[in-house]
Amino acid sequence: MTKIKYPATCVVHWPSGTVMACDEHARQIIGMGKFLGSHIVATKLTDPAECSNCVNEKKEKPND
């Protein structure tokens, strides 16, 4: 089993698909959707997963 380094807590239902996100990134994604005029919903994650945005941020800043 793979260790989860950046745990996700929510599934954010974006118009183009779902995004696994931590609480902070879920709030940011929902805020961006509201700004763009979309109704974005987040539901509680039932299975372990990594936050997609945390993983992508780590790729951009590998020395942190």
N, C-alpha and C. Protein backbone atom coordinates (compact mmCIF):
# COMPACT_ATOMS: atom_id res chain seq x y z
N MET A 1 0.84 -1.18 0.00
CA MET A 1 0.00 0.00 0.00
C MET A 1 0.89 1.25 0.00
N THR A 2 0.52 2.25 -0.76
CA THR A 2 1.27 3.48 -0.88
C THR A 2 0.90 4.43 0.25
N LYS A 3 1.92 5.04 0.83
CA LYS A 3 1.68 6.01 1.90
C LYS A 3 1.17 7.32 1.30
N ILE A 4 0.12 7.86 1.90
CA ILE A 4 -0.45 9.11 1.41
C ILE A 4 0.26 10.27 2.09
N LYS A 5 0.95 11.06 1.29
CA LYS A 5 1.75 12.18 1.81
C LYS A 5 0.91 13.45 1.97
N TYR A 6 -0.04 13.66 1.06
CA TYR A 6 -0.89 14.85 1.07
C TYR A 6 -2.35 14.41 1.08
N PRO A 7 -2.90 14.09 2.25
CA PRO A 7 -4.26 13.52 2.29
C PRO A 7 -5.36 14.48 1.84
N ALA A 8 -6.24 13.95 1.05
CA ALA A 8 -7.42 14.69 0.61
C ALA A 8 -8.55 14.40 1.60
N THR A 9 -9.43 15.36 1.77
CA THR A 9 -10.57 15.20 2.66
C THR A 9 -11.90 15.32 1.91
N CYS A 10 -11.84 15.86 0.69
CA CYS A 10 -13.06 16.15 -0.07
C CYS A 10 -12.93 15.71 -1.52
N VAL A 11 -14.08 15.48 -2.13
CA VAL A 11 -14.16 15.33 -3.57
C VAL A 11 -14.89 16.57 -4.05
N VAL A 12 -14.23 17.39 -4.84
CA VAL A 12 -14.85 18.60 -5.38
C VAL A 12 -15.38 18.26 -6.76
N HIS A 13 -16.66 18.54 -6.97
CA HIS A 13 -17.32 18.20 -8.22
C HIS A 13 -17.32 19.42 -9.15
N TRP A 14 -16.26 19.49 -9.95
CA TRP A 14 -16.04 20.57 -10.91
C TRP A 14 -16.76 20.19 -12.21
N PRO A 15 -17.19 21.15 -13.03
CA PRO A 15 -17.94 20.79 -14.26
C PRO A 15 -17.20 19.80 -15.18
N SER A 16 -15.88 19.85 -15.20
CA SER A 16 -15.14 18.95 -16.10
C SER A 16 -14.79 17.61 -15.44
N GLY A 17 -15.10 17.44 -14.17
CA GLY A 17 -14.82 16.19 -13.49
C GLY A 17 -14.58 16.40 -12.00
N THR A 18 -14.20 15.34 -11.32
CA THR A 18 -13.97 15.44 -9.88
C THR A 18 -12.50 15.71 -9.58
N VAL A 19 -12.28 16.37 -8.44
CA VAL A 19 -10.94 16.69 -7.98
C VAL A 19 -10.85 16.29 -6.51
N MET A 20 -9.85 15.49 -6.18
CA MET A 20 -9.59 15.15 -4.78
C MET A 20 -8.84 16.33 -4.17
N ALA A 21 -9.29 16.82 -3.02
CA ALA A 21 -8.69 18.02 -2.45
C ALA A 21 -8.69 17.99 -0.92
N CYS A 22 -7.69 18.67 -0.35
CA CYS A 22 -7.68 18.91 1.09
C CYS A 22 -8.68 20.04 1.37
N ASP A 23 -8.93 20.33 2.62
CA ASP A 23 -9.91 21.37 2.96
C ASP A 23 -9.55 22.72 2.35
N GLU A 24 -8.28 23.11 2.45
CA GLU A 24 -7.85 24.41 1.94
C GLU A 24 -8.03 24.50 0.42
N HIS A 25 -7.60 23.50 -0.30
CA HIS A 25 -7.76 23.54 -1.75
C HIS A 25 -9.22 23.42 -2.17
N ALA A 26 -10.02 22.68 -1.42
CA ALA A 26 -11.45 22.60 -1.72
C ALA A 26 -12.09 23.99 -1.62
N ARG A 27 -11.73 24.73 -0.57
CA ARG A 27 -12.26 26.10 -0.42
C ARG A 27 -11.82 26.98 -1.60
N GLN A 28 -10.58 26.86 -2.02
CA GLN A 28 -10.07 27.66 -3.13
C GLN A 28 -10.78 27.32 -4.44
N ILE A 29 -10.98 26.03 -4.69
CA ILE A 29 -11.65 25.59 -5.92
C ILE A 29 -13.10 26.05 -5.93
N ILE A 30 -13.79 25.92 -4.81
CA ILE A 30 -15.18 26.37 -4.72
C ILE A 30 -15.26 27.87 -4.94
N GLY A 31 -14.34 28.63 -4.33
CA GLY A 31 -14.31 30.08 -4.52
C GLY A 31 -14.08 30.46 -5.97
N MET A 32 -13.17 29.75 -6.64
CA MET A 32 -12.90 30.03 -8.05
C MET A 32 -14.15 29.74 -8.88
N GLY A 33 -14.83 28.64 -8.57
CA GLY A 33 -16.06 28.31 -9.29
C GLY A 33 -17.13 29.36 -9.11
N LYS A 34 -17.28 29.84 -7.88
CA LYS A 34 -18.27 30.91 -7.63
C LYS A 34 -17.92 32.16 -8.43
N PHE A 35 -16.63 32.50 -8.46
CA PHE A 35 -16.17 33.66 -9.21
C PHE A 35 -16.51 33.51 -10.69
N LEU A 36 -16.40 32.29 -11.20
CA LEU A 36 -16.68 32.02 -12.61
C LEU A 36 -18.17 31.80 -12.88
N GLY A 37 -19.00 31.83 -11.83
CA GLY A 37 -20.43 31.70 -12.00
C GLY A 37 -20.95 30.26 -11.98
N SER A 38 -20.13 29.34 -11.53
CA SER A 38 -20.55 27.93 -11.46
C SER A 38 -20.94 27.56 -10.03
N HIS A 39 -21.80 26.60 -9.92
CA HIS A 39 -22.16 26.06 -8.61
C HIS A 39 -21.31 24.82 -8.40
N ILE A 40 -20.35 24.90 -7.50
CA ILE A 40 -19.42 23.81 -7.24
C ILE A 40 -19.76 23.19 -5.89
N VAL A 41 -19.79 21.87 -5.84
CA VAL A 41 -20.13 21.14 -4.63
C VAL A 41 -18.95 20.26 -4.22
N ALA A 42 -18.71 20.18 -2.91
CA ALA A 42 -17.70 19.27 -2.38
C ALA A 42 -18.38 18.29 -1.45
N THR A 43 -18.01 17.03 -1.57
CA THR A 43 -18.54 16.00 -0.69
C THR A 43 -17.39 15.37 0.08
N LYS A 44 -17.71 14.77 1.20
CA LYS A 44 -16.69 14.15 2.05
C LYS A 44 -16.13 12.92 1.34
N LEU A 45 -14.82 12.80 1.40
CA LEU A 45 -14.13 11.68 0.78
C LEU A 45 -14.30 10.43 1.65
N THR A 46 -14.62 9.31 1.03
CA THR A 46 -14.81 8.08 1.79
C THR A 46 -13.59 7.16 1.73
N ASP A 47 -12.83 7.22 0.66
CA ASP A 47 -11.64 6.38 0.51
C ASP A 47 -10.39 7.25 0.56
N PRO A 48 -9.29 6.74 1.06
CA PRO A 48 -8.05 7.52 1.12
C PRO A 48 -7.57 7.93 -0.27
N ALA A 49 -7.14 9.17 -0.38
CA ALA A 49 -6.60 9.68 -1.65
C ALA A 49 -5.71 10.87 -1.34
N GLU A 50 -4.93 11.27 -2.34
CA GLU A 50 -4.07 12.43 -2.17
C GLU A 50 -4.72 13.65 -2.80
N CYS A 51 -4.43 14.80 -2.21
CA CYS A 51 -4.91 16.08 -2.74
C CYS A 51 -4.16 16.35 -4.05
N SER A 52 -4.87 16.44 -5.13
CA SER A 52 -4.26 16.67 -6.44
C SER A 52 -3.47 17.97 -6.48
N ASN A 53 -4.00 19.00 -5.85
CA ASN A 53 -3.33 20.30 -5.88
C ASN A 53 -2.07 20.32 -5.03
N CYS A 54 -2.08 19.68 -3.88
CA CYS A 54 -0.87 19.60 -3.05
C CYS A 54 0.24 18.86 -3.79
N VAL A 55 -0.12 17.78 -4.46
CA VAL A 55 0.86 17.01 -5.23
C VAL A 55 1.44 17.88 -6.34
N ASN A 56 0.60 18.62 -7.06
CA ASN A 56 1.08 19.49 -8.14
C ASN A 56 1.95 20.62 -7.60
N GLU A 57 1.58 21.19 -6.44
CA GLU A 57 2.41 22.25 -5.86
C GLU A 57 3.78 21.71 -5.48
N LYS A 58 3.85 20.51 -4.97
CA LYS A 58 5.11 19.91 -4.57
C LYS A 58 5.99 19.68 -5.80
N LYS A 59 5.40 19.32 -6.94
CA LYS A 59 6.16 19.14 -8.17
C LYS A 59 6.81 20.46 -8.61
N GLU A 60 6.11 21.58 -8.39
CA GLU A 60 6.62 22.89 -8.78
C GLU A 60 7.72 23.38 -7.85
N LYS A 61 7.68 22.98 -6.56
CA LYS A 61 8.65 23.41 -5.56
C LYS A 61 9.26 22.17 -4.90
N PRO A 62 10.13 21.44 -5.59
CA PRO A 62 10.63 20.18 -5.04
C PRO A 62 11.54 20.33 -3.83
N ASN A 63 12.08 21.48 -3.53
CA ASN A 63 13.01 21.64 -2.41
C ASN A 63 12.34 21.99 -1.09
N ASP A 64 11.02 22.09 -1.06
CA ASP A 64 10.31 22.42 0.20
C ASP A 64 10.12 21.21 1.05
